[in-house]
Amino acid sequence: MKIYISGAITNDPDYLAKFDRVEKHLTALNFEVVNPTKLQHDHNKSYKNYMKEDIRELLNCDAIFMIYGWDKSAGAKLEKKVADACGLEAIYGGEI
């Protein structure tokens, strides 16, 4: 199963560590993991382009892992809506 990690990034100084912990945890459980903080974003670093590239990766996954606090993020809420619309399984995680 391929899982996309989603969570708050903007205004969270610890977001890289959180995404890394989740990636390591899911990888240890033998999942294929897409960590958007490690994608090679080749663009002008605008929010719009980050989201377009991240959603493209999300659509190639079977599930979405929602990091605790995701509901405070406009981007994570959008990713969740896309995942729901496309029938991806949602997995909700606490602090890992």
N, C-alpha and C. Protein backbone atom coordinates (compact mmCIF):
# COMPACT_ATOMS: atom_id res chain seq x y z
N MET A 1 0.85 -1.18 0.00
CA MET A 1 0.00 0.00 0.00
C MET A 1 0.89 1.24 0.00
N LYS A 2 0.54 2.20 -0.82
CA LYS A 2 1.27 3.45 -0.92
C LYS A 2 0.49 4.54 -0.17
N ILE A 3 1.17 5.20 0.78
CA ILE A 3 0.53 6.18 1.66
C ILE A 3 1.18 7.54 1.52
N TYR A 4 0.35 8.55 1.36
CA TYR A 4 0.78 9.95 1.28
C TYR A 4 0.62 10.57 2.67
N ILE A 5 1.64 11.28 3.14
CA ILE A 5 1.58 11.94 4.45
C ILE A 5 1.06 13.36 4.27
N SER A 6 0.08 13.74 5.09
CA SER A 6 -0.49 15.08 5.03
C SER A 6 -0.53 15.68 6.43
N GLY A 7 -0.23 16.96 6.50
CA GLY A 7 -0.28 17.64 7.79
C GLY A 7 0.06 19.10 7.63
N ALA A 8 0.00 19.81 8.73
CA ALA A 8 0.30 21.24 8.73
C ALA A 8 1.79 21.47 8.50
N ILE A 9 2.09 22.41 7.63
CA ILE A 9 3.48 22.79 7.35
C ILE A 9 3.69 24.26 7.69
N THR A 10 2.87 25.11 7.12
CA THR A 10 3.00 26.55 7.35
C THR A 10 2.83 26.86 8.83
N ASN A 11 3.70 27.67 9.35
CA ASN A 11 3.68 28.11 10.76
C ASN A 11 3.96 27.01 11.76
N ASP A 12 4.51 25.88 11.32
CA ASP A 12 4.91 24.82 12.25
C ASP A 12 6.42 24.60 12.11
N PRO A 13 7.21 25.15 13.02
CA PRO A 13 8.66 25.03 12.89
C PRO A 13 9.17 23.59 13.02
N ASP A 14 8.33 22.69 13.51
CA ASP A 14 8.73 21.29 13.72
C ASP A 14 8.20 20.36 12.62
N TYR A 15 7.65 20.93 11.53
CA TYR A 15 6.98 20.08 10.54
C TYR A 15 7.92 19.06 9.90
N LEU A 16 9.17 19.41 9.63
CA LEU A 16 10.08 18.45 8.99
C LEU A 16 10.30 17.23 9.87
N ALA A 17 10.49 17.46 11.16
CA ALA A 17 10.70 16.35 12.09
C ALA A 17 9.45 15.48 12.19
N LYS A 18 8.28 16.11 12.22
CA LYS A 18 7.02 15.34 12.30
C LYS A 18 6.84 14.46 11.07
N PHE A 19 7.02 15.03 9.89
CA PHE A 19 6.85 14.26 8.66
C PHE A 19 7.89 13.14 8.59
N ASP A 20 9.11 13.42 9.04
CA ASP A 20 10.16 12.41 9.03
C ASP A 20 9.83 11.25 9.98
N ARG A 21 9.32 11.56 11.17
CA ARG A 21 8.94 10.50 12.12
C ARG A 21 7.84 9.61 11.54
N VAL A 22 6.84 10.23 10.93
CA VAL A 22 5.75 9.46 10.34
C VAL A 22 6.27 8.60 9.20
N GLU A 23 7.12 9.17 8.36
CA GLU A 23 7.68 8.40 7.25
C GLU A 23 8.45 7.17 7.76
N LYS A 24 9.28 7.36 8.76
CA LYS A 24 10.05 6.24 9.32
C LYS A 24 9.12 5.19 9.92
N HIS A 25 8.10 5.62 10.63
CA HIS A 25 7.14 4.71 11.25
C HIS A 25 6.41 3.87 10.19
N LEU A 26 5.90 4.53 9.17
CA LEU A 26 5.16 3.82 8.13
C LEU A 26 6.07 2.91 7.29
N THR A 27 7.28 3.37 7.04
CA THR A 27 8.24 2.55 6.29
C THR A 27 8.59 1.29 7.09
N ALA A 28 8.73 1.42 8.40
CA ALA A 28 9.02 0.26 9.25
C ALA A 28 7.88 -0.75 9.22
N LEU A 29 6.67 -0.29 8.90
CA LEU A 29 5.51 -1.18 8.79
C LEU A 29 5.35 -1.70 7.36
N ASN A 30 6.36 -1.48 6.54
CA ASN A 30 6.43 -1.98 5.16
C ASN A 30 5.48 -1.29 4.18
N PHE A 31 5.12 -0.05 4.46
CA PHE A 31 4.33 0.72 3.51
C PHE A 31 5.28 1.49 2.60
N GLU A 32 4.84 1.74 1.38
CA GLU A 32 5.54 2.65 0.49
C GLU A 32 5.01 4.04 0.86
N VAL A 33 5.90 4.98 1.11
CA VAL A 33 5.50 6.26 1.67
C VAL A 33 5.89 7.42 0.75
N VAL A 34 4.96 8.35 0.59
CA VAL A 34 5.24 9.60 -0.11
C VAL A 34 5.24 10.71 0.94
N ASN A 35 6.41 11.28 1.16
CA ASN A 35 6.59 12.38 2.10
C ASN A 35 6.72 13.67 1.27
N PRO A 36 5.69 14.51 1.26
CA PRO A 36 5.73 15.71 0.40
C PRO A 36 6.86 16.67 0.74
N THR A 37 7.40 16.60 1.95
CA THR A 37 8.49 17.50 2.31
C THR A 37 9.79 17.07 1.64
N LYS A 38 9.81 15.88 1.04
CA LYS A 38 11.02 15.39 0.38
C LYS A 38 10.87 15.31 -1.14
N LEU A 39 9.75 15.78 -1.66
CA LEU A 39 9.57 15.78 -3.11
C LEU A 39 10.46 16.85 -3.72
N GLN A 40 10.93 16.57 -4.93
CA GLN A 40 11.75 17.53 -5.66
C GLN A 40 10.84 18.52 -6.38
N HIS A 41 10.47 19.57 -5.71
CA HIS A 41 9.60 20.59 -6.29
C HIS A 41 10.45 21.49 -7.18
N ASP A 42 10.18 21.43 -8.47
CA ASP A 42 10.95 22.20 -9.45
C ASP A 42 10.09 23.31 -10.02
N HIS A 43 9.97 24.40 -9.30
CA HIS A 43 9.13 25.51 -9.72
C HIS A 43 9.51 26.76 -8.95
N ASN A 44 8.69 27.75 -9.02
CA ASN A 44 9.00 29.03 -8.38
C ASN A 44 8.64 29.07 -6.89
N LYS A 45 8.39 27.93 -6.32
CA LYS A 45 8.09 27.79 -4.89
C LYS A 45 6.83 28.54 -4.45
N SER A 46 5.90 28.70 -5.34
CA SER A 46 4.63 29.30 -4.94
C SER A 46 3.75 28.24 -4.30
N TYR A 47 2.88 28.67 -3.43
CA TYR A 47 1.96 27.75 -2.75
C TYR A 47 1.16 26.96 -3.78
N LYS A 48 0.66 27.65 -4.80
CA LYS A 48 -0.14 27.00 -5.83
C LYS A 48 0.63 25.85 -6.49
N ASN A 49 1.88 26.07 -6.81
CA ASN A 49 2.65 25.03 -7.47
C ASN A 49 3.01 23.89 -6.54
N TYR A 50 3.30 24.19 -5.27
CA TYR A 50 3.51 23.12 -4.30
C TYR A 50 2.27 22.22 -4.24
N MET A 51 1.10 22.83 -4.12
CA MET A 51 -0.13 22.06 -3.99
C MET A 51 -0.40 21.23 -5.25
N LYS A 52 -0.18 21.79 -6.42
CA LYS A 52 -0.41 21.05 -7.65
C LYS A 52 0.48 19.80 -7.72
N GLU A 53 1.74 19.97 -7.37
CA GLU A 53 2.66 18.83 -7.41
C GLU A 53 2.33 17.82 -6.32
N ASP A 54 2.00 18.31 -5.13
CA ASP A 54 1.68 17.39 -4.03
C ASP A 54 0.41 16.59 -4.32
N ILE A 55 -0.60 17.25 -4.86
CA ILE A 55 -1.85 16.54 -5.17
C ILE A 55 -1.63 15.52 -6.28
N ARG A 56 -0.78 15.84 -7.24
CA ARG A 56 -0.45 14.87 -8.28
C ARG A 56 0.13 13.60 -7.65
N GLU A 57 1.02 13.77 -6.67
CA GLU A 57 1.61 12.61 -5.98
C GLU A 57 0.56 11.88 -5.15
N LEU A 58 -0.30 12.63 -4.48
CA LEU A 58 -1.37 12.05 -3.68
C LEU A 58 -2.24 11.11 -4.51
N LEU A 59 -2.55 11.53 -5.73
CA LEU A 59 -3.43 10.74 -6.60
C LEU A 59 -2.83 9.40 -7.02
N ASN A 60 -1.54 9.22 -6.82
CA ASN A 60 -0.89 7.95 -7.11
C ASN A 60 -0.81 7.03 -5.89
N CYS A 61 -1.48 7.43 -4.82
CA CYS A 61 -1.43 6.66 -3.57
C CYS A 61 -2.75 5.94 -3.32
N ASP A 62 -2.69 5.01 -2.37
CA ASP A 62 -3.87 4.24 -1.96
C ASP A 62 -4.52 4.80 -0.72
N ALA A 63 -3.74 5.57 0.05
CA ALA A 63 -4.23 6.08 1.33
C ALA A 63 -3.54 7.39 1.65
N ILE A 64 -4.14 8.10 2.60
CA ILE A 64 -3.56 9.35 3.10
C ILE A 64 -3.45 9.23 4.61
N PHE A 65 -2.28 9.60 5.15
CA PHE A 65 -2.05 9.59 6.59
C PHE A 65 -2.11 11.02 7.08
N MET A 66 -3.06 11.30 7.95
CA MET A 66 -3.29 12.65 8.45
C MET A 66 -2.58 12.82 9.80
N ILE A 67 -1.55 13.66 9.81
CA ILE A 67 -0.81 13.94 11.03
C ILE A 67 -1.68 14.78 11.96
N TYR A 68 -1.61 14.47 13.25
CA TYR A 68 -2.38 15.22 14.25
C TYR A 68 -2.21 16.72 14.03
N GLY A 69 -3.30 17.46 14.02
CA GLY A 69 -3.29 18.89 13.79
C GLY A 69 -3.52 19.26 12.33
N TRP A 70 -3.75 18.26 11.49
CA TRP A 70 -3.95 18.50 10.05
C TRP A 70 -5.12 19.44 9.78
N ASP A 71 -6.12 19.40 10.66
CA ASP A 71 -7.33 20.18 10.44
C ASP A 71 -7.11 21.69 10.63
N LYS A 72 -5.91 22.09 11.03
CA LYS A 72 -5.58 23.50 11.15
C LYS A 72 -4.86 24.01 9.89
N SER A 73 -4.72 23.15 8.90
CA SER A 73 -3.98 23.48 7.68
C SER A 73 -4.90 23.50 6.47
N ALA A 74 -4.93 24.61 5.76
CA ALA A 74 -5.75 24.70 4.55
C ALA A 74 -5.29 23.68 3.51
N GLY A 75 -3.98 23.51 3.37
CA GLY A 75 -3.46 22.56 2.39
C GLY A 75 -3.81 21.12 2.73
N ALA A 76 -3.67 20.75 4.01
CA ALA A 76 -4.00 19.38 4.42
C ALA A 76 -5.51 19.12 4.28
N LYS A 77 -6.32 20.14 4.57
CA LYS A 77 -7.77 19.96 4.39
C LYS A 77 -8.11 19.75 2.92
N LEU A 78 -7.43 20.45 2.04
CA LEU A 78 -7.64 20.26 0.61
C LEU A 78 -7.20 18.86 0.18
N GLU A 79 -6.04 18.42 0.66
CA GLU A 79 -5.56 17.08 0.33
C GLU A 79 -6.55 16.02 0.83
N LYS A 80 -7.12 16.22 2.00
CA LYS A 80 -8.10 15.28 2.55
C LYS A 80 -9.34 15.24 1.68
N LYS A 81 -9.81 16.40 1.21
CA LYS A 81 -10.99 16.43 0.34
C LYS A 81 -10.72 15.70 -0.97
N VAL A 82 -9.55 15.90 -1.53
CA VAL A 82 -9.19 15.21 -2.76
C VAL A 82 -9.13 13.70 -2.51
N ALA A 83 -8.51 13.31 -1.42
CA ALA A 83 -8.41 11.88 -1.08
C ALA A 83 -9.80 11.27 -0.91
N ASP A 84 -10.68 11.96 -0.22
CA ASP A 84 -12.05 11.47 -0.03
C ASP A 84 -12.77 11.34 -1.37
N ALA A 85 -12.64 12.35 -2.21
CA ALA A 85 -13.33 12.35 -3.50
C ALA A 85 -12.84 11.22 -4.39
N CYS A 86 -11.59 10.81 -4.20
CA CYS A 86 -11.00 9.77 -5.05
C CYS A 86 -11.03 8.39 -4.39
N GLY A 87 -11.66 8.29 -3.23
CA GLY A 87 -11.83 7.00 -2.57
C GLY A 87 -10.59 6.46 -1.89
N LEU A 88 -9.64 7.31 -1.54
CA LEU A 88 -8.46 6.86 -0.81
C LEU A 88 -8.82 6.63 0.66
N GLU A 89 -8.21 5.64 1.25
CA GLU A 89 -8.38 5.38 2.67
C GLU A 89 -7.72 6.49 3.47
N ALA A 90 -8.36 6.94 4.53
CA ALA A 90 -7.79 7.96 5.42
C ALA A 90 -7.37 7.30 6.72
N ILE A 91 -6.14 7.55 7.11
CA ILE A 91 -5.59 7.03 8.36
C ILE A 91 -5.24 8.24 9.21
N TYR A 92 -5.73 8.26 10.42
CA TYR A 92 -5.52 9.40 11.30
C TYR A 92 -4.50 9.02 12.36
N GLY A 93 -3.46 9.83 12.48
CA GLY A 93 -2.39 9.52 13.42
C GLY A 93 -2.23 10.59 14.47
N GLY A 94 -1.83 10.15 15.62
CA GLY A 94 -1.48 11.09 16.67
C GLY A 94 -0.01 11.47 16.52
N GLU A 95 0.58 11.90 17.56
CA GLU A 95 2.01 12.22 17.52
C GLU A 95 2.79 10.92 17.51
N ILE A 96 3.66 10.79 16.53
CA ILE A 96 4.50 9.57 16.43
C ILE A 96 5.91 9.95 16.80
